[in-house]
Amino acid sequence: APGAPTPSEADAAAESPEETARAVAPADAAAAPSDARAARNAATDQMRRAEALLQARCTSCHGLDKVRSARHDAAGWEASIDRMIGYGAVVSSAERALLVRHLAGR
């Protein structure tokens, strides 16, 4: 009949909020892997930067085995890096923070 809703319009109007949420969920779920991938890429980039800093800033005085074998929490690494700065290591505050996160997170 003219003016009557088509079957697809009637189905859409009858959809409950839960049905709508289920219909939309796959699109939202598809975004999650790319978000997770971006987070992994950022973490990998941070790890690479921290490892490059270790190589550039620490190996002029001692080997990386000494650093890698040490086990400290964040406060311990802060104290250790501050001690190295006292001995003449050149480490910016941003580099210090990155190194502490990296080393304490192992």
PDB file of N, CA and C in Angstrom:
ATOM      1  N   ALA A   1       0.840  -1.182   0.000  1.00  0.00           N
ATOM      2  CA  ALA A   1       0.000   0.000   0.000  1.00  0.00           C
ATOM      3  C   ALA A   1       0.877   1.234   0.000  1.00  0.00           C
ATOM      4  N   PRO A   2       0.426   2.266  -0.715  1.00  0.00           N
ATOM      5  CA  PRO A   2       1.208   3.501  -0.747  1.00  0.00           C
ATOM      6  C   PRO A   2       1.347   4.073   0.663  1.00  0.00           C
ATOM      7  N   GLY A   3       2.565   4.546   0.980  1.00  0.00           N
ATOM      8  CA  GLY A   3       2.810   5.151   2.288  1.00  0.00           C
ATOM      9  C   GLY A   3       3.131   4.147   3.376  1.00  0.00           C
ATOM     10  N   ALA A   4       2.903   2.855   3.123  1.00  0.00           N
ATOM     11  CA  ALA A   4       3.213   1.839   4.136  1.00  0.00           C
ATOM     12  C   ALA A   4       4.716   1.580   4.119  1.00  0.00           C
ATOM     13  N   PRO A   5       5.314   1.304   5.281  1.00  0.00           N
ATOM     14  CA  PRO A   5       6.753   1.047   5.303  1.00  0.00           C
ATOM     15  C   PRO A   5       7.089  -0.234   4.557  1.00  0.00           C
ATOM     16  N   THR A   6       8.240  -0.221   3.903  1.00  0.00           N
ATOM     17  CA  THR A   6       8.708  -1.425   3.219  1.00  0.00           C
ATOM     18  C   THR A   6       9.143  -2.426   4.288  1.00  0.00           C
ATOM     19  N   PRO A   7       9.284  -3.706   3.924  1.00  0.00           N
ATOM     20  CA  PRO A   7       9.712  -4.690   4.926  1.00  0.00           C
ATOM     21  C   PRO A   7      11.040  -4.314   5.594  1.00  0.00           C
ATOM     22  N   SER A   8      12.010  -3.782   4.840  1.00  0.00           N
ATOM     23  CA  SER A   8      13.292  -3.431   5.462  1.00  0.00           C
ATOM     24  C   SER A   8      13.136  -2.247   6.414  1.00  0.00           C
ATOM     25  N   GLU A   9      12.259  -1.289   6.086  1.00  0.00           N
ATOM     26  CA  GLU A   9      12.009  -0.164   6.989  1.00  0.00           C
ATOM     27  C   GLU A   9      11.317  -0.646   8.252  1.00  0.00           C
ATOM     28  N   ALA A  10      10.387  -1.571   8.115  1.00  0.00           N
ATOM     29  CA  ALA A  10       9.676  -2.106   9.275  1.00  0.00           C
ATOM     30  C   ALA A  10      10.644  -2.878  10.166  1.00  0.00           C
ATOM     31  N   ASP A  11      11.553  -3.662   9.552  1.00  0.00           N
ATOM     32  CA  ASP A  11      12.537  -4.410  10.333  1.00  0.00           C
ATOM     33  C   ASP A  11      13.467  -3.460  11.086  1.00  0.00           C
ATOM     34  N   ALA A  12      13.903  -2.399  10.425  1.00  0.00           N
ATOM     35  CA  ALA A  12      14.807  -1.448  11.058  1.00  0.00           C
ATOM     36  C   ALA A  12      14.129  -0.752  12.221  1.00  0.00           C
ATOM     37  N   ALA A  13      12.864  -0.398  12.060  1.00  0.00           N
ATOM     38  CA  ALA A  13      12.127   0.275  13.118  1.00  0.00           C
ATOM     39  C   ALA A  13      11.898  -0.654  14.300  1.00  0.00           C
ATOM     40  N   ALA A  14      11.802  -1.957  14.057  1.00  0.00           N
ATOM     41  CA  ALA A  14      11.522  -2.915  15.119  1.00  0.00           C
ATOM     42  C   ALA A  14      12.791  -3.357  15.847  1.00  0.00           C
ATOM     43  N   GLU A  15      13.956  -2.965  15.372  1.00  0.00           N
ATOM     44  CA  GLU A  15      15.207  -3.391  15.985  1.00  0.00           C
ATOM     45  C   GLU A  15      15.330  -2.835  17.396  1.00  0.00           C
ATOM     46  N   SER A  16      15.685  -3.683  18.317  1.00  0.00           N
ATOM     47  CA  SER A  16      15.891  -3.234  19.694  1.00  0.00           C
ATOM     48  C   SER A  16      17.282  -2.610  19.809  1.00  0.00           C
ATOM     49  N   PRO A  17      17.543  -1.860  20.876  1.00  0.00           N
ATOM     50  CA  PRO A  17      18.885  -1.301  21.068  1.00  0.00           C
ATOM     51  C   PRO A  17      19.962  -2.392  21.115  1.00  0.00           C
ATOM     52  N   GLU A  18      19.641  -3.552  21.705  1.00  0.00           N
ATOM     53  CA  GLU A  18      20.602  -4.649  21.764  1.00  0.00           C
ATOM     54  C   GLU A  18      20.929  -5.160  20.366  1.00  0.00           C
ATOM     55  N   GLU A  19      19.888  -5.270  19.514  1.00  0.00           N
ATOM     56  CA  GLU A  19      20.110  -5.730  18.142  1.00  0.00           C
ATOM     57  C   GLU A  19      20.961  -4.719  17.378  1.00  0.00           C
ATOM     58  N   THR A  20      20.685  -3.459  17.602  1.00  0.00           N
ATOM     59  CA  THR A  20      21.473  -2.415  16.958  1.00  0.00           C
ATOM     60  C   THR A  20      22.927  -2.504  17.415  1.00  0.00           C
ATOM     61  N   ALA A  21      23.142  -2.703  18.713  1.00  0.00           N
ATOM     62  CA  ALA A  21      24.503  -2.810  19.241  1.00  0.00           C
ATOM     63  C   ALA A  21      25.230  -3.996  18.628  1.00  0.00           C
ATOM     64  N   ARG A  22      24.533  -5.129  18.494  1.00  0.00           N
ATOM     65  CA  ARG A  22      25.157  -6.303  17.888  1.00  0.00           C
ATOM     66  C   ARG A  22      25.499  -6.040  16.427  1.00  0.00           C
ATOM     67  N   ALA A  23      24.634  -5.319  15.735  1.00  0.00           N
ATOM     68  CA  ALA A  23      24.875  -5.033  14.321  1.00  0.00           C
ATOM     69  C   ALA A  23      26.082  -4.112  14.147  1.00  0.00           C
ATOM     70  N   VAL A  24      26.296  -3.219  15.089  1.00  0.00           N
ATOM     71  CA  VAL A  24      27.395  -2.261  15.008  1.00  0.00           C
ATOM     72  C   VAL A  24      28.692  -2.862  15.544  1.00  0.00           C
ATOM     73  N   ALA A  25      28.616  -3.821  16.433  1.00  0.00           N
ATOM     74  CA  ALA A  25      29.794  -4.379  17.103  1.00  0.00           C
ATOM     75  C   ALA A  25      30.884  -4.854  16.151  1.00  0.00           C
ATOM     76  N   PRO A  26      30.564  -5.546  15.064  1.00  0.00           N
ATOM     77  CA  PRO A  26      31.659  -6.003  14.202  1.00  0.00           C
ATOM     78  C   PRO A  26      32.533  -4.864  13.688  1.00  0.00           C
ATOM     79  N   ALA A  27      31.947  -3.726  13.361  1.00  0.00           N
ATOM     80  CA  ALA A  27      32.749  -2.595  12.892  1.00  0.00           C
ATOM     81  C   ALA A  27      33.651  -2.097  14.011  1.00  0.00           C
ATOM     82  N   ASP A  28      33.117  -2.012  15.234  1.00  0.00           N
ATOM     83  CA  ASP A  28      33.925  -1.583  16.364  1.00  0.00           C
ATOM     84  C   ASP A  28      35.003  -2.614  16.667  1.00  0.00           C
ATOM     85  N   ALA A  29      34.664  -3.880  16.595  1.00  0.00           N
ATOM     86  CA  ALA A  29      35.623  -4.943  16.881  1.00  0.00           C
ATOM     87  C   ALA A  29      36.740  -4.954  15.842  1.00  0.00           C
ATOM     88  N   ALA A  30      36.420  -4.583  14.625  1.00  0.00           N
ATOM     89  CA  ALA A  30      37.436  -4.560  13.574  1.00  0.00           C
ATOM     90  C   ALA A  30      38.488  -3.491  13.857  1.00  0.00           C
ATOM     91  N   ALA A  31      38.112  -2.421  14.545  1.00  0.00           N
ATOM     92  CA  ALA A  31      39.064  -1.362  14.868  1.00  0.00           C
ATOM     93  C   ALA A  31      40.027  -1.804  15.964  1.00  0.00           C
ATOM     94  N   ALA A  32      39.606  -2.704  16.827  1.00  0.00           N
ATOM     95  CA  ALA A  32      40.436  -3.121  17.957  1.00  0.00           C
ATOM     96  C   ALA A  32      41.782  -3.703  17.523  1.00  0.00           C
ATOM     97  N   PRO A  33      41.844  -4.590  16.523  1.00  0.00           N
ATOM     98  CA  PRO A  33      43.163  -5.107  16.133  1.00  0.00           C
ATOM     99  C   PRO A  33      44.118  -4.016  15.669  1.00  0.00           C
ATOM    100  N   SER A  34      43.619  -3.017  14.947  1.00  0.00           N
ATOM    101  CA  SER A  34      44.522  -1.957  14.497  1.00  0.00           C
ATOM    102  C   SER A  34      44.973  -1.104  15.678  1.00  0.00           C
ATOM    103  N   ASP A  35      44.101  -0.903  16.682  1.00  0.00           N
ATOM    104  CA  ASP A  35      44.503  -0.184  17.887  1.00  0.00           C
ATOM    105  C   ASP A  35      45.574  -0.970  18.630  1.00  0.00           C
ATOM    106  N   ALA A  36      45.383  -2.270  18.744  1.00  0.00           N
ATOM    107  CA  ALA A  36      46.361  -3.125  19.420  1.00  0.00           C
ATOM    108  C   ALA A  36      47.680  -3.124  18.651  1.00  0.00           C
ATOM    109  N   ARG A  37      47.591  -3.162  17.342  1.00  0.00           N
ATOM    110  CA  ARG A  37      48.795  -3.139  16.505  1.00  0.00           C
ATOM    111  C   ARG A  37      49.541  -1.822  16.697  1.00  0.00           C
ATOM    112  N   ALA A  38      48.812  -0.720  16.745  1.00  0.00           N
ATOM    113  CA  ALA A  38      49.444   0.585  16.948  1.00  0.00           C
ATOM    114  C   ALA A  38      50.131   0.642  18.307  1.00  0.00           C
ATOM    115  N   ALA A  39      49.493   0.083  19.321  1.00  0.00           N
ATOM    116  CA  ALA A  39      50.099   0.061  20.657  1.00  0.00           C
ATOM    117  C   ALA A  39      51.370  -0.788  20.663  1.00  0.00           C
ATOM    118  N   ARG A  40      51.324  -1.944  19.993  1.00  0.00           N
ATOM    119  CA  ARG A  40      52.520  -2.803  19.908  1.00  0.00           C
ATOM    120  C   ARG A  40      53.641  -2.088  19.164  1.00  0.00           C
ATOM    121  N   ASN A  41      53.295  -1.400  18.077  1.00  0.00           N
ATOM    122  CA  ASN A  41      54.307  -0.670  17.306  1.00  0.00           C
ATOM    123  C   ASN A  41      54.943   0.430  18.146  1.00  0.00           C
ATOM    124  N   ALA A  42      54.124   1.139  18.926  1.00  0.00           N
ATOM    125  CA  ALA A  42      54.650   2.199  19.788  1.00  0.00           C
ATOM    126  C   ALA A  42      55.567   1.611  20.853  1.00  0.00           C
ATOM    127  N   ALA A  43      55.172   0.488  21.435  1.00  0.00           N
ATOM    128  CA  ALA A  43      56.001  -0.163  22.454  1.00  0.00           C
ATOM    129  C   ALA A  43      57.316  -0.642  21.850  1.00  0.00           C
ATOM    130  N   THR A  44      57.253  -1.197  20.647  1.00  0.00           N
ATOM    131  CA  THR A  44      58.465  -1.663  19.973  1.00  0.00           C
ATOM    132  C   THR A  44      59.383  -0.491  19.667  1.00  0.00           C
ATOM    133  N   ASP A  45      58.812   0.622  19.221  1.00  0.00           N
ATOM    134  CA  ASP A  45      59.603   1.814  18.926  1.00  0.00           C
ATOM    135  C   ASP A  45      60.277   2.329  20.193  1.00  0.00           C
ATOM    136  N   GLN A  46      59.536   2.352  21.304  1.00  0.00           N
ATOM    137  CA  GLN A  46      60.104   2.796  22.571  1.00  0.00           C
ATOM    138  C   GLN A  46      61.245   1.882  23.012  1.00  0.00           C
ATOM    139  N   MET A  47      61.055   0.579  22.849  1.00  0.00           N
ATOM    140  CA  MET A  47      62.094  -0.374  23.219  1.00  0.00           C
ATOM    141  C   MET A  47      63.351  -0.153  22.377  1.00  0.00           C
ATOM    142  N   ARG A  48      63.176   0.065  21.093  1.00  0.00           N
ATOM    143  CA  ARG A  48      64.329   0.317  20.211  1.00  0.00           C
ATOM    144  C   ARG A  48      65.070   1.589  20.614  1.00  0.00           C
ATOM    145  N   ARG A  49      64.306   2.633  20.925  1.00  0.00           N
ATOM    146  CA  ARG A  49      64.930   3.887  21.352  1.00  0.00           C
ATOM    147  C   ARG A  49      65.703   3.688  22.654  1.00  0.00           C
ATOM    148  N   ALA A  50      65.108   2.952  23.594  1.00  0.00           N
ATOM    149  CA  ALA A  50      65.777   2.702  24.874  1.00  0.00           C
ATOM    150  C   ALA A  50      67.045   1.877  24.673  1.00  0.00           C
ATOM    151  N   GLU A  51      66.972   0.856  23.833  1.00  0.00           N
ATOM    152  CA  GLU A  51      68.160   0.031  23.568  1.00  0.00           C
ATOM    153  C   GLU A  51      69.255   0.856  22.887  1.00  0.00           C
ATOM    154  N   ALA A  52      68.875   1.742  21.978  1.00  0.00           N
ATOM    155  CA  ALA A  52      69.859   2.616  21.328  1.00  0.00           C
ATOM    156  C   ALA A  52      70.498   3.557  22.349  1.00  0.00           C
ATOM    157  N   LEU A  53      69.693   4.055  23.287  1.00  0.00           N
ATOM    158  CA  LEU A  53      70.232   4.911  24.348  1.00  0.00           C
ATOM    159  C   LEU A  53      71.209   4.140  25.228  1.00  0.00           C
ATOM    160  N   LEU A  54      70.847   2.918  25.588  1.00  0.00           N
ATOM    161  CA  LEU A  54      71.759   2.093  26.386  1.00  0.00           C
ATOM    162  C   LEU A  54      73.103   1.957  25.671  1.00  0.00           C
ATOM    163  N   GLN A  55      73.030   1.662  24.391  1.00  0.00           N
ATOM    164  CA  GLN A  55      74.255   1.495  23.596  1.00  0.00           C
ATOM    165  C   GLN A  55      75.049   2.800  23.547  1.00  0.00           C
ATOM    166  N   ALA A  56      74.374   3.901  23.300  1.00  0.00           N
ATOM    167  CA  ALA A  56      75.054   5.182  23.124  1.00  0.00           C
ATOM    168  C   ALA A  56      75.564   5.782  24.433  1.00  0.00           C
ATOM    169  N   ARG A  57      74.803   5.629  25.511  1.00  0.00           N
ATOM    170  CA  ARG A  57      75.148   6.321  26.754  1.00  0.00           C
ATOM    171  C   ARG A  57      75.887   5.461  27.778  1.00  0.00           C
ATOM    172  N   CYS A  58      75.723   4.157  27.717  1.00  0.00           N
ATOM    173  CA  CYS A  58      76.250   3.304  28.790  1.00  0.00           C
ATOM    174  C   CYS A  58      77.528   2.565  28.431  1.00  0.00           C
ATOM    175  N   THR A  59      77.707   2.252  27.159  1.00  0.00           N
ATOM    176  CA  THR A  59      78.824   1.374  26.786  1.00  0.00           C
ATOM    177  C   THR A  59      80.179   2.072  26.760  1.00  0.00           C
ATOM    178  N   SER A  60      80.209   3.377  26.897  1.00  0.00           N
ATOM    179  CA  SER A  60      81.515   4.041  26.945  1.00  0.00           C
ATOM    180  C   SER A  60      82.243   3.733  28.258  1.00  0.00           C
ATOM    181  N   CYS A  61      81.488   3.308  29.290  1.00  0.00           N
ATOM    182  CA  CYS A  61      82.104   2.993  30.587  1.00  0.00           C
ATOM    183  C   CYS A  61      82.040   1.512  30.947  1.00  0.00           C
ATOM    184  N   HIS A  62      81.024   0.816  30.499  1.00  0.00           N
ATOM    185  CA  HIS A  62      80.890  -0.609  30.837  1.00  0.00           C
ATOM    186  C   HIS A  62      80.037  -1.316  29.798  1.00  0.00           C
ATOM    187  N   GLY A  63      80.101  -2.617  29.806  1.00  0.00           N
ATOM    188  CA  GLY A  63      79.339  -3.412  28.851  1.00  0.00           C
ATOM    189  C   GLY A  63      77.862  -3.468  29.184  1.00  0.00           C
ATOM    190  N   LEU A  64      77.075  -3.776  28.186  1.00  0.00           N
ATOM    191  CA  LEU A  64      75.629  -3.886  28.388  1.00  0.00           C
ATOM    192  C   LEU A  64      75.251  -5.095  29.235  1.00  0.00           C
ATOM    193  N   ASP A  65      76.116  -6.107  29.284  1.00  0.00           N
ATOM    194  CA  ASP A  65      75.812  -7.275  30.119  1.00  0.00           C
ATOM    195  C   ASP A  65      75.615  -6.861  31.572  1.00  0.00           C
ATOM    196  N   LYS A  66      76.424  -5.921  32.032  1.00  0.00           N
ATOM    197  CA  LYS A  66      76.303  -5.438  33.411  1.00  0.00           C
ATOM    198  C   LYS A  66      74.938  -4.784  33.627  1.00  0.00           C
ATOM    199  N   VAL A  67      74.503  -3.988  32.669  1.00  0.00           N
ATOM    200  CA  VAL A  67      73.204  -3.316  32.780  1.00  0.00           C
ATOM    201  C   VAL A  67      72.082  -4.341  32.685  1.00  0.00           C
ATOM    202  N   ARG A  68      72.169  -5.213  31.703  1.00  0.00           N
ATOM    203  CA  ARG A  68      71.086  -6.178  31.475  1.00  0.00           C
ATOM    204  C   ARG A  68      70.958  -7.208  32.592  1.00  0.00           C
ATOM    205  N   SER A  69      72.052  -7.501  33.285  1.00  0.00           N
ATOM    206  CA  SER A  69      71.975  -8.495  34.357  1.00  0.00           C
ATOM    207  C   SER A  69      71.471  -7.893  35.669  1.00  0.00           C
ATOM    208  N   ALA A  70      71.516  -6.572  35.796  1.00  0.00           N
ATOM    209  CA  ALA A  70      71.038  -5.916  37.020  1.00  0.00           C
ATOM    210  C   ALA A  70      69.516  -5.954  37.075  1.00  0.00           C
ATOM    211  N   ARG A  71      68.991  -6.150  38.256  1.00  0.00           N
ATOM    212  CA  ARG A  71      67.536  -6.185  38.450  1.00  0.00           C
ATOM    213  C   ARG A  71      67.161  -5.153  39.507  1.00  0.00           C
ATOM    214  N   HIS A  72      66.472  -4.116  39.063  1.00  0.00           N
ATOM    215  CA  HIS A  72      66.016  -3.060  39.971  1.00  0.00           C
ATOM    216  C   HIS A  72      64.574  -2.725  39.637  1.00  0.00           C
ATOM    217  N   ASP A  73      63.881  -2.133  40.595  1.00  0.00           N
ATOM    218  CA  ASP A  73      62.584  -1.538  40.297  1.00  0.00           C
ATOM    219  C   ASP A  73      62.864  -0.131  39.759  1.00  0.00           C
ATOM    220  N   ALA A  74      61.807   0.624  39.478  1.00  0.00           N
ATOM    221  CA  ALA A  74      61.991   1.961  38.894  1.00  0.00           C
ATOM    222  C   ALA A  74      62.858   2.847  39.786  1.00  0.00           C
ATOM    223  N   ALA A  75      62.615   2.827  41.093  1.00  0.00           N
ATOM    224  CA  ALA A  75      63.404   3.664  42.007  1.00  0.00           C
ATOM    225  C   ALA A  75      64.878   3.258  41.977  1.00  0.00           C
ATOM    226  N   GLY A  76      65.136   1.971  41.889  1.00  0.00           N
ATOM    227  CA  GLY A  76      66.517   1.498  41.817  1.00  0.00           C
ATOM    228  C   GLY A  76      67.214   1.950  40.551  1.00  0.00           C
ATOM    229  N   TRP A  77      66.492   1.898  39.423  1.00  0.00           N
ATOM    230  CA  TRP A  77      67.094   2.350  38.162  1.00  0.00           C
ATOM    231  C   TRP A  77      67.295   3.860  38.173  1.00  0.00           C
ATOM    232  N   GLU A  78      66.350   4.602  38.764  1.00  0.00           N
ATOM    233  CA  GLU A  78      66.535   6.053  38.870  1.00  0.00           C
ATOM    234  C   GLU A  78      67.817   6.358  39.641  1.00  0.00           C
ATOM    235  N   ALA A  79      68.015   5.675  40.773  1.00  0.00           N
ATOM    236  CA  ALA A  79      69.215   5.895  41.587  1.00  0.00           C
ATOM    237  C   ALA A  79      70.478   5.511  40.811  1.00  0.00           C
ATOM    238  N   SER A  80      70.421   4.395  40.096  1.00  0.00           N
ATOM    239  CA  SER A  80      71.580   3.939  39.330  1.00  0.00           C
ATOM    240  C   SER A  80      71.931   4.930  38.222  1.00  0.00           C
ATOM    241  N   ILE A  81      70.925   5.385  37.490  1.00  0.00           N
ATOM    242  CA  ILE A  81      71.170   6.343  36.403  1.00  0.00           C
ATOM    243  C   ILE A  81      71.667   7.664  36.977  1.00  0.00           C
ATOM    244  N   ASP A  82      71.089   8.103  38.090  1.00  0.00           N
ATOM    245  CA  ASP A  82      71.562   9.342  38.719  1.00  0.00           C
ATOM    246  C   ASP A  82      73.025   9.210  39.150  1.00  0.00           C
ATOM    247  N   ARG A  83      73.405   8.039  39.642  1.00  0.00           N
ATOM    248  CA  ARG A  83      74.799   7.796  40.020  1.00  0.00           C
ATOM    249  C   ARG A  83      75.701   7.904  38.782  1.00  0.00           C
ATOM    250  N   MET A  84      75.243   7.334  37.651  1.00  0.00           N
ATOM    251  CA  MET A  84      76.028   7.399  36.417  1.00  0.00           C
ATOM    252  C   MET A  84      76.139   8.843  35.921  1.00  0.00           C
ATOM    253  N   ILE A  85      75.062   9.610  36.076  1.00  0.00           N
ATOM    254  CA  ILE A  85      75.109  11.033  35.708  1.00  0.00           C
ATOM    255  C   ILE A  85      76.145  11.738  36.581  1.00  0.00           C
ATOM    256  N   GLY A  86      76.195  11.377  37.858  1.00  0.00           N
ATOM    257  CA  GLY A  86      77.203  11.936  38.766  1.00  0.00           C
ATOM    258  C   GLY A  86      78.620  11.606  38.328  1.00  0.00           C
ATOM    259  N   TYR A  87      78.795  10.471  37.661  1.00  0.00           N
ATOM    260  CA  TYR A  87      80.107  10.073  37.139  1.00  0.00           C
ATOM    261  C   TYR A  87      80.404  10.713  35.789  1.00  0.00           C
ATOM    262  N   GLY A  88      79.436  11.450  35.238  1.00  0.00           N
ATOM    263  CA  GLY A  88      79.678  12.156  33.987  1.00  0.00           C
ATOM    264  C   GLY A  88      78.845  11.714  32.796  1.00  0.00           C
ATOM    265  N   ALA A  89      77.971  10.731  32.983  1.00  0.00           N
ATOM    266  CA  ALA A  89      77.099  10.319  31.868  1.00  0.00           C
ATOM    267  C   ALA A  89      76.187  11.484  31.492  1.00  0.00           C
ATOM    268  N   VAL A  90      75.990  11.664  30.208  1.00  0.00           N
ATOM    269  CA  VAL A  90      75.121  12.734  29.717  1.00  0.00           C
ATOM    270  C   VAL A  90      73.799  12.103  29.306  1.00  0.00           C
ATOM    271  N   VAL A  91      72.768  12.341  30.124  1.00  0.00           N
ATOM    272  CA  VAL A  91      71.441  11.761  29.895  1.00  0.00           C
ATOM    273  C   VAL A  91      70.411  12.841  30.202  1.00  0.00           C
ATOM    274  N   SER A  92      69.564  13.161  29.234  1.00  0.00           N
ATOM    275  CA  SER A  92      68.516  14.158  29.464  1.00  0.00           C
ATOM    276  C   SER A  92      67.440  13.574  30.376  1.00  0.00           C
ATOM    277  N   SER A  93      66.584  14.427  30.889  1.00  0.00           N
ATOM    278  CA  SER A  93      65.509  13.934  31.764  1.00  0.00           C
ATOM    279  C   SER A  93      64.547  13.031  30.994  1.00  0.00           C
ATOM    280  N   ALA A  94      64.292  13.337  29.724  1.00  0.00           N
ATOM    281  CA  ALA A  94      63.410  12.476  28.914  1.00  0.00           C
ATOM    282  C   ALA A  94      64.074  11.128  28.657  1.00  0.00           C
ATOM    283  N   GLU A  95      65.382  11.140  28.385  1.00  0.00           N
ATOM    284  CA  GLU A  95      66.105   9.886  28.177  1.00  0.00           C
ATOM    285  C   GLU A  95      66.141   9.066  29.463  1.00  0.00           C
ATOM    286  N   ARG A  96      66.341   9.738  30.582  1.00  0.00           N
ATOM    287  CA  ARG A  96      66.355   9.058  31.887  1.00  0.00           C
ATOM    288  C   ARG A  96      65.025   8.360  32.120  1.00  0.00           C
ATOM    289  N   ALA A  97      63.929   9.069  31.876  1.00  0.00           N
ATOM    290  CA  ALA A  97      62.591   8.490  32.076  1.00  0.00           C
ATOM    291  C   ALA A  97      62.378   7.281  31.169  1.00  0.00           C
ATOM    292  N   LEU A  98      62.797   7.370  29.915  1.00  0.00           N
ATOM    293  CA  LEU A  98      62.656   6.252  28.980  1.00  0.00           C
ATOM    294  C   LEU A  98      63.485   5.056  29.445  1.00  0.00           C
ATOM    295  N   LEU A  99      64.713   5.303  29.864  1.00  0.00           N
ATOM    296  CA  LEU A  99      65.568   4.216  30.339  1.00  0.00           C
ATOM    297  C   LEU A  99      64.995   3.553  31.585  1.00  0.00           C
ATOM    298  N   VAL A 100      64.504   4.350  32.515  1.00  0.00           N
ATOM    299  CA  VAL A 100      63.919   3.794  33.744  1.00  0.00           C
ATOM    300  C   VAL A 100      62.729   2.909  33.403  1.00  0.00           C
ATOM    301  N   ARG A 101      61.821   3.395  32.557  1.00  0.00           N
ATOM    302  CA  ARG A 101      60.644   2.589  32.166  1.00  0.00           C
ATOM    303  C   ARG A 101      61.075   1.286  31.507  1.00  0.00           C
ATOM    304  N   HIS A 102      62.031   1.394  30.613  1.00  0.00           N
ATOM    305  CA  HIS A 102      62.492   0.222  29.868  1.00  0.00           C
ATOM    306  C   HIS A 102      63.172  -0.792  30.785  1.00  0.00           C
ATOM    307  N   LEU A 103      64.098  -0.331  31.587  1.00  0.00           N
ATOM    308  CA  LEU A 103      64.872  -1.244  32.426  1.00  0.00           C
ATOM    309  C   LEU A 103      64.033  -1.840  33.554  1.00  0.00           C
ATOM    310  N   ALA A 104      63.176  -1.050  34.147  1.00  0.00           N
ATOM    311  CA  ALA A 104      62.329  -1.561  35.236  1.00  0.00           C
ATOM    312  C   ALA A 104      61.250  -2.493  34.706  1.00  0.00           C
ATOM    313  N   GLY A 105      60.890  -2.342  33.442  1.00  0.00           N
ATOM    314  CA  GLY A 105      59.824  -3.153  32.850  1.00  0.00           C
ATOM    315  C   GLY A 105      60.275  -4.499  32.333  1.00  0.00           C
ATOM    316  N   ARG A 106      61.568  -4.805  32.426  1.00  0.00           N
ATOM    317  CA  ARG A 106      62.058  -6.097  31.913  1.00  0.00           C
ATOM    318  C   ARG A 106      61.695  -7.223  32.838  1.00  0.00           C
TER     319      ARG A 106
END
